[in-house]
Amino acid sequence: MSKVVVERDVVPVVEDRGGDSTGSNAVWALAFVIVIALIVGALYYSGVLRRITNQPAQKVNVEVKTP
């Protein structure tokens, strides 16, 4: 009794592209832009960017007169 091993190519039903598709790249690019926008927005609203660029804070002169 001898054993016979038969080899054949098996084609996968779904190809694994490893995340290199155009849609995947677009999603990652959009996520990157959103994260950068959140970081820049947080720095802007906290006033750090104003201090870095040496822009003076806005001063408002308010004069109150009573009748």
PDB file of N, CA and C in Angstrom:
ATOM      1  N   MET A   1       0.813  -1.153   0.000  1.00  0.00           N
ATOM      2  CA  MET A   1       0.000   0.000   0.000  1.00  0.00           C
ATOM      3  C   MET A   1       0.871   1.236   0.000  1.00  0.00           C
ATOM      4  N   SER A   2       0.791   1.981  -1.055  1.00  0.00           N
ATOM      5  CA  SER A   2       1.594   3.188  -1.137  1.00  0.00           C
ATOM      6  C   SER A   2       0.669   4.416  -1.138  1.00  0.00           C
ATOM      7  N   LYS A   3       1.209   5.507  -0.622  1.00  0.00           N
ATOM      8  CA  LYS A   3       0.431   6.744  -0.552  1.00  0.00           C
ATOM      9  C   LYS A   3       0.817   7.636  -1.721  1.00  0.00           C
ATOM     10  N   VAL A   4      -0.167   8.225  -2.340  1.00  0.00           N
ATOM     11  CA  VAL A   4       0.064   9.130  -3.446  1.00  0.00           C
ATOM     12  C   VAL A   4      -0.355  10.531  -2.990  1.00  0.00           C
ATOM     13  N   VAL A   5       0.572  11.478  -3.105  1.00  0.00           N
ATOM     14  CA  VAL A   5       0.282  12.856  -2.724  1.00  0.00           C
ATOM     15  C   VAL A   5       0.127  13.656  -4.010  1.00  0.00           C
ATOM     16  N   VAL A   6      -0.994  14.302  -4.127  1.00  0.00           N
ATOM     17  CA  VAL A   6      -1.262  15.098  -5.312  1.00  0.00           C
ATOM     18  C   VAL A   6      -1.248  16.565  -4.894  1.00  0.00           C
ATOM     19  N   GLU A   7      -0.427  17.342  -5.583  1.00  0.00           N
ATOM     20  CA  GLU A   7      -0.359  18.778  -5.310  1.00  0.00           C
ATOM     21  C   GLU A   7      -1.105  19.510  -6.401  1.00  0.00           C
ATOM     22  N   ARG A   8      -1.886  20.507  -5.996  1.00  0.00           N
ATOM     23  CA  ARG A   8      -2.543  21.333  -6.992  1.00  0.00           C
ATOM     24  C   ARG A   8      -2.641  22.757  -6.456  1.00  0.00           C
ATOM     25  N   ASP A   9      -2.732  23.682  -7.354  1.00  0.00           N
ATOM     26  CA  ASP A   9      -2.831  25.087  -6.974  1.00  0.00           C
ATOM     27  C   ASP A   9      -4.255  25.379  -6.514  1.00  0.00           C
ATOM     28  N   VAL A  10      -4.337  26.048  -5.396  1.00  0.00           N
ATOM     29  CA  VAL A  10      -5.634  26.443  -4.880  1.00  0.00           C
ATOM     30  C   VAL A  10      -5.723  27.956  -4.995  1.00  0.00           C
ATOM     31  N   VAL A  11      -6.698  28.447  -5.710  1.00  0.00           N
ATOM     32  CA  VAL A  11      -6.889  29.880  -5.898  1.00  0.00           C
ATOM     33  C   VAL A  11      -7.787  30.384  -4.781  1.00  0.00           C
ATOM     34  N   PRO A  12      -7.304  31.393  -4.030  1.00  0.00           N
ATOM     35  CA  PRO A  12      -8.152  31.916  -2.955  1.00  0.00           C
ATOM     36  C   PRO A  12      -9.364  32.641  -3.528  1.00  0.00           C
ATOM     37  N   VAL A  13     -10.473  32.531  -2.821  1.00  0.00           N
ATOM     38  CA  VAL A  13     -11.703  33.172  -3.271  1.00  0.00           C
ATOM     39  C   VAL A  13     -11.582  34.684  -3.128  1.00  0.00           C
ATOM     40  N   VAL A  14     -10.991  35.152  -2.033  1.00  0.00           N
ATOM     41  CA  VAL A  14     -10.825  36.580  -1.787  1.00  0.00           C
ATOM     42  C   VAL A  14      -9.334  36.885  -1.750  1.00  0.00           C
ATOM     43  N   GLU A  15      -8.928  37.857  -2.554  1.00  0.00           N
ATOM     44  CA  GLU A  15      -7.520  38.228  -2.565  1.00  0.00           C
ATOM     45  C   GLU A  15      -7.212  39.125  -1.379  1.00  0.00           C
ATOM     46  N   ASP A  16      -6.074  38.912  -0.756  1.00  0.00           N
ATOM     47  CA  ASP A  16      -5.630  39.766   0.344  1.00  0.00           C
ATOM     48  C   ASP A  16      -4.660  40.788  -0.220  1.00  0.00           C
ATOM     49  N   ARG A  17      -5.114  42.027  -0.302  1.00  0.00           N
ATOM     50  CA  ARG A  17      -4.266  43.073  -0.867  1.00  0.00           C
ATOM     51  C   ARG A  17      -3.391  43.718   0.198  1.00  0.00           C
ATOM     52  N   GLY A  18      -3.614  43.429   1.443  1.00  0.00           N
ATOM     53  CA  GLY A  18      -2.761  43.965   2.493  1.00  0.00           C
ATOM     54  C   GLY A  18      -2.978  45.443   2.755  1.00  0.00           C
ATOM     55  N   GLY A  19      -4.140  45.981   2.446  1.00  0.00           N
ATOM     56  CA  GLY A  19      -4.427  47.381   2.721  1.00  0.00           C
ATOM     57  C   GLY A  19      -3.818  48.340   1.724  1.00  0.00           C
ATOM     58  N   ASP A  20      -3.494  47.866   0.537  1.00  0.00           N
ATOM     59  CA  ASP A  20      -2.865  48.732  -0.459  1.00  0.00           C
ATOM     60  C   ASP A  20      -3.853  49.234  -1.508  1.00  0.00           C
ATOM     61  N   SER A  21      -5.132  49.149  -1.231  1.00  0.00           N
ATOM     62  CA  SER A  21      -6.103  49.596  -2.221  1.00  0.00           C
ATOM     63  C   SER A  21      -6.277  51.111  -2.157  1.00  0.00           C
ATOM     64  N   THR A  22      -6.836  51.678  -3.199  1.00  0.00           N
ATOM     65  CA  THR A  22      -7.026  53.125  -3.272  1.00  0.00           C
ATOM     66  C   THR A  22      -7.990  53.598  -2.201  1.00  0.00           C
ATOM     67  N   GLY A  23      -9.043  52.861  -1.945  1.00  0.00           N
ATOM     68  CA  GLY A  23     -10.007  53.235  -0.916  1.00  0.00           C
ATOM     69  C   GLY A  23      -9.390  53.269   0.461  1.00  0.00           C
ATOM     70  N   SER A  24      -8.551  52.317   0.749  1.00  0.00           N
ATOM     71  CA  SER A  24      -7.885  52.275   2.045  1.00  0.00           C
ATOM     72  C   SER A  24      -6.946  53.462   2.205  1.00  0.00           C
ATOM     73  N   ASN A  25      -6.226  53.798   1.151  1.00  0.00           N
ATOM     74  CA  ASN A  25      -5.322  54.951   1.208  1.00  0.00           C
ATOM     75  C   ASN A  25      -6.095  56.245   1.403  1.00  0.00           C
ATOM     76  N   ALA A  26      -7.240  56.356   0.763  1.00  0.00           N
ATOM     77  CA  ALA A  26      -8.050  57.567   0.904  1.00  0.00           C
ATOM     78  C   ALA A  26      -8.587  57.702   2.327  1.00  0.00           C
ATOM     79  N   VAL A  27      -8.996  56.604   2.910  1.00  0.00           N
ATOM     80  CA  VAL A  27      -9.504  56.636   4.282  1.00  0.00           C
ATOM     81  C   VAL A  27      -8.395  57.036   5.249  1.00  0.00           C
ATOM     82  N   TRP A  28      -7.214  56.492   5.071  1.00  0.00           N
ATOM     83  CA  TRP A  28      -6.095  56.851   5.937  1.00  0.00           C
ATOM     84  C   TRP A  28      -5.700  58.314   5.755  1.00  0.00           C
ATOM     85  N   ALA A  29      -5.723  58.823   4.525  1.00  0.00           N
ATOM     86  CA  ALA A  29      -5.395  60.223   4.275  1.00  0.00           C
ATOM     87  C   ALA A  29      -6.422  61.137   4.934  1.00  0.00           C
ATOM     88  N   LEU A  30      -7.696  60.788   4.833  1.00  0.00           N
ATOM     89  CA  LEU A  30      -8.751  61.586   5.462  1.00  0.00           C
ATOM     90  C   LEU A  30      -8.617  61.564   6.984  1.00  0.00           C
ATOM     91  N   ALA A  31      -8.319  60.410   7.538  1.00  0.00           N
ATOM     92  CA  ALA A  31      -8.131  60.305   8.985  1.00  0.00           C
ATOM     93  C   ALA A  31      -6.942  61.152   9.439  1.00  0.00           C
ATOM     94  N   PHE A  32      -5.878  61.155   8.665  1.00  0.00           N
ATOM     95  CA  PHE A  32      -4.696  61.952   8.993  1.00  0.00           C
ATOM     96  C   PHE A  32      -5.020  63.438   8.976  1.00  0.00           C
ATOM     97  N   VAL A  33      -5.765  63.888   7.964  1.00  0.00           N
ATOM     98  CA  VAL A  33      -6.139  65.299   7.871  1.00  0.00           C
ATOM     99  C   VAL A  33      -7.025  65.699   9.048  1.00  0.00           C
ATOM    100  N   ILE A  34      -7.948  64.851   9.434  1.00  0.00           N
ATOM    101  CA  ILE A  34      -8.830  65.155  10.566  1.00  0.00           C
ATOM    102  C   ILE A  34      -8.040  65.255  11.865  1.00  0.00           C
ATOM    103  N   VAL A  35      -7.115  64.344  12.079  1.00  0.00           N
ATOM    104  CA  VAL A  35      -6.309  64.371  13.304  1.00  0.00           C
ATOM    105  C   VAL A  35      -5.456  65.636  13.353  1.00  0.00           C
ATOM    106  N   ILE A  36      -4.834  65.991  12.245  1.00  0.00           N
ATOM    107  CA  ILE A  36      -4.014  67.208  12.209  1.00  0.00           C
ATOM    108  C   ILE A  36      -4.881  68.440  12.443  1.00  0.00           C
ATOM    109  N   ALA A  37      -6.088  68.475  11.856  1.00  0.00           N
ATOM    110  CA  ALA A  37      -6.987  69.612  12.058  1.00  0.00           C
ATOM    111  C   ALA A  37      -7.402  69.728  13.523  1.00  0.00           C
ATOM    112  N   LEU A  38      -7.643  68.612  14.179  1.00  0.00           N
ATOM    113  CA  LEU A  38      -7.998  68.646  15.599  1.00  0.00           C
ATOM    114  C   LEU A  38      -6.838  69.171  16.451  1.00  0.00           C
ATOM    115  N   ILE A  39      -5.631  68.753  16.134  1.00  0.00           N
ATOM    116  CA  ILE A  39      -4.466  69.212  16.901  1.00  0.00           C
ATOM    117  C   ILE A  39      -4.245  70.707  16.691  1.00  0.00           C
ATOM    118  N   VAL A  40      -4.303  71.158  15.439  1.00  0.00           N
ATOM    119  CA  VAL A  40      -4.101  72.585  15.160  1.00  0.00           C
ATOM    120  C   VAL A  40      -5.224  73.412  15.779  1.00  0.00           C
ATOM    121  N   GLY A  41      -6.455  72.930  15.713  1.00  0.00           N
ATOM    122  CA  GLY A  41      -7.576  73.638  16.332  1.00  0.00           C
ATOM    123  C   GLY A  41      -7.414  73.761  17.833  1.00  0.00           C
ATOM    124  N   ALA A  42      -6.969  72.695  18.473  1.00  0.00           N
ATOM    125  CA  ALA A  42      -6.758  72.740  19.919  1.00  0.00           C
ATOM    126  C   ALA A  42      -5.647  73.725  20.275  1.00  0.00           C
ATOM    127  N   LEU A  43      -4.579  73.743  19.489  1.00  0.00           N
ATOM    128  CA  LEU A  43      -3.496  74.685  19.746  1.00  0.00           C
ATOM    129  C   LEU A  43      -3.945  76.127  19.511  1.00  0.00           C
ATOM    130  N   TYR A  44      -4.787  76.340  18.499  1.00  0.00           N
ATOM    131  CA  TYR A  44      -5.271  77.686  18.196  1.00  0.00           C
ATOM    132  C   TYR A  44      -6.164  78.212  19.328  1.00  0.00           C
ATOM    133  N   TYR A  45      -7.125  77.399  19.740  1.00  0.00           N
ATOM    134  CA  TYR A  45      -8.059  77.848  20.763  1.00  0.00           C
ATOM    135  C   TYR A  45      -7.426  77.939  22.148  1.00  0.00           C
ATOM    136  N   SER A  46      -6.353  77.231  22.380  1.00  0.00           N
ATOM    137  CA  SER A  46      -5.677  77.335  23.679  1.00  0.00           C
ATOM    138  C   SER A  46      -4.761  78.551  23.736  1.00  0.00           C
ATOM    139  N   GLY A  47      -4.469  79.160  22.600  1.00  0.00           N
ATOM    140  CA  GLY A  47      -3.631  80.344  22.563  1.00  0.00           C
ATOM    141  C   GLY A  47      -2.158  80.059  22.363  1.00  0.00           C
ATOM    142  N   VAL A  48      -1.790  78.816  22.219  1.00  0.00           N
ATOM    143  CA  VAL A  48      -0.380  78.466  22.042  1.00  0.00           C
ATOM    144  C   VAL A  48       0.151  79.016  20.719  1.00  0.00           C
ATOM    145  N   LEU A  49      -0.647  78.926  19.659  1.00  0.00           N
ATOM    146  CA  LEU A  49      -0.188  79.436  18.360  1.00  0.00           C
ATOM    147  C   LEU A  49       0.020  80.942  18.394  1.00  0.00           C
ATOM    148  N   ARG A  50      -0.821  81.664  19.158  1.00  0.00           N
ATOM    149  CA  ARG A  50      -0.670  83.109  19.249  1.00  0.00           C
ATOM    150  C   ARG A  50       0.644  83.452  19.949  1.00  0.00           C
ATOM    151  N   ARG A  51       0.983  82.687  20.964  1.00  0.00           N
ATOM    152  CA  ARG A  51       2.245  82.934  21.668  1.00  0.00           C
ATOM    153  C   ARG A  51       3.448  82.570  20.808  1.00  0.00           C
ATOM    154  N   ILE A  52       3.320  81.544  20.012  1.00  0.00           N
ATOM    155  CA  ILE A  52       4.438  81.113  19.163  1.00  0.00           C
ATOM    156  C   ILE A  52       4.698  82.141  18.067  1.00  0.00           C
ATOM    157  N   THR A  53       3.624  82.662  17.468  1.00  0.00           N
ATOM    158  CA  THR A  53       3.790  83.611  16.371  1.00  0.00           C
ATOM    159  C   THR A  53       3.903  85.054  16.865  1.00  0.00           C
ATOM    160  N   ASN A  54       3.887  85.268  18.169  1.00  0.00           N
ATOM    161  CA  ASN A  54       4.040  86.584  18.796  1.00  0.00           C
ATOM    162  C   ASN A  54       2.980  87.593  18.358  1.00  0.00           C
ATOM    163  N   GLN A  55       1.792  87.125  18.124  1.00  0.00           N
ATOM    164  CA  GLN A  55       0.707  88.040  17.816  1.00  0.00           C
ATOM    165  C   GLN A  55       0.164  88.587  19.133  1.00  0.00           C
ATOM    166  N   PRO A  56       0.030  89.899  19.244  1.00  0.00           N
ATOM    167  CA  PRO A  56      -0.472  90.459  20.496  1.00  0.00           C
ATOM    168  C   PRO A  56      -1.941  90.097  20.702  1.00  0.00           C
ATOM    169  N   ALA A  57      -2.289  89.948  21.955  1.00  0.00           N
ATOM    170  CA  ALA A  57      -3.683  89.660  22.274  1.00  0.00           C
ATOM    171  C   ALA A  57      -4.517  90.904  21.994  1.00  0.00           C
ATOM    172  N   GLN A  58      -5.726  90.709  21.583  1.00  0.00           N
ATOM    173  CA  GLN A  58      -6.587  91.840  21.268  1.00  0.00           C
ATOM    174  C   GLN A  58      -7.058  92.490  22.562  1.00  0.00           C
ATOM    175  N   LYS A  59      -6.959  93.814  22.616  1.00  0.00           N
ATOM    176  CA  LYS A  59      -7.420  94.558  23.776  1.00  0.00           C
ATOM    177  C   LYS A  59      -8.593  95.426  23.350  1.00  0.00           C
ATOM    178  N   VAL A  60      -9.600  95.445  24.185  1.00  0.00           N
ATOM    179  CA  VAL A  60     -10.789  96.220  23.887  1.00  0.00           C
ATOM    180  C   VAL A  60     -10.940  97.279  24.972  1.00  0.00           C
ATOM    181  N   ASN A  61     -11.068  98.524  24.550  1.00  0.00           N
ATOM    182  CA  ASN A  61     -11.251  99.625  25.486  1.00  0.00           C
ATOM    183  C   ASN A  61     -12.754  99.899  25.617  1.00  0.00           C
ATOM    184  N   VAL A  62     -13.266  99.661  26.799  1.00  0.00           N
ATOM    185  CA  VAL A  62     -14.690  99.831  27.020  1.00  0.00           C
ATOM    186  C   VAL A  62     -14.885 100.971  28.020  1.00  0.00           C
ATOM    187  N   GLU A  63     -15.653 101.968  27.621  1.00  0.00           N
ATOM    188  CA  GLU A  63     -15.942 103.086  28.501  1.00  0.00           C
ATOM    189  C   GLU A  63     -17.429 103.018  28.868  1.00  0.00           C
ATOM    190  N   VAL A  64     -17.688 102.965  30.155  1.00  0.00           N
ATOM    191  CA  VAL A  64     -19.062 102.854  30.641  1.00  0.00           C
ATOM    192  C   VAL A  64     -19.447 104.169  31.295  1.00  0.00           C
ATOM    193  N   LYS A  65     -20.551 104.763  30.843  1.00  0.00           N
ATOM    194  CA  LYS A  65     -21.045 106.013  31.428  1.00  0.00           C
ATOM    195  C   LYS A  65     -22.445 105.758  31.969  1.00  0.00           C
ATOM    196  N   THR A  66     -22.705 106.234  33.151  1.00  0.00           N
ATOM    197  CA  THR A  66     -24.041 106.094  33.709  1.00  0.00           C
ATOM    198  C   THR A  66     -24.815 107.394  33.506  1.00  0.00           C
ATOM    199  N   PRO A  67     -26.084 107.323  33.287  1.00  0.00           N
ATOM    200  CA  PRO A  67     -26.856 108.545  33.071  1.00  0.00           C
ATOM    201  C   PRO A  67     -27.032 109.391  34.334  1.00  0.00           C
TER     202      PRO A  67
END
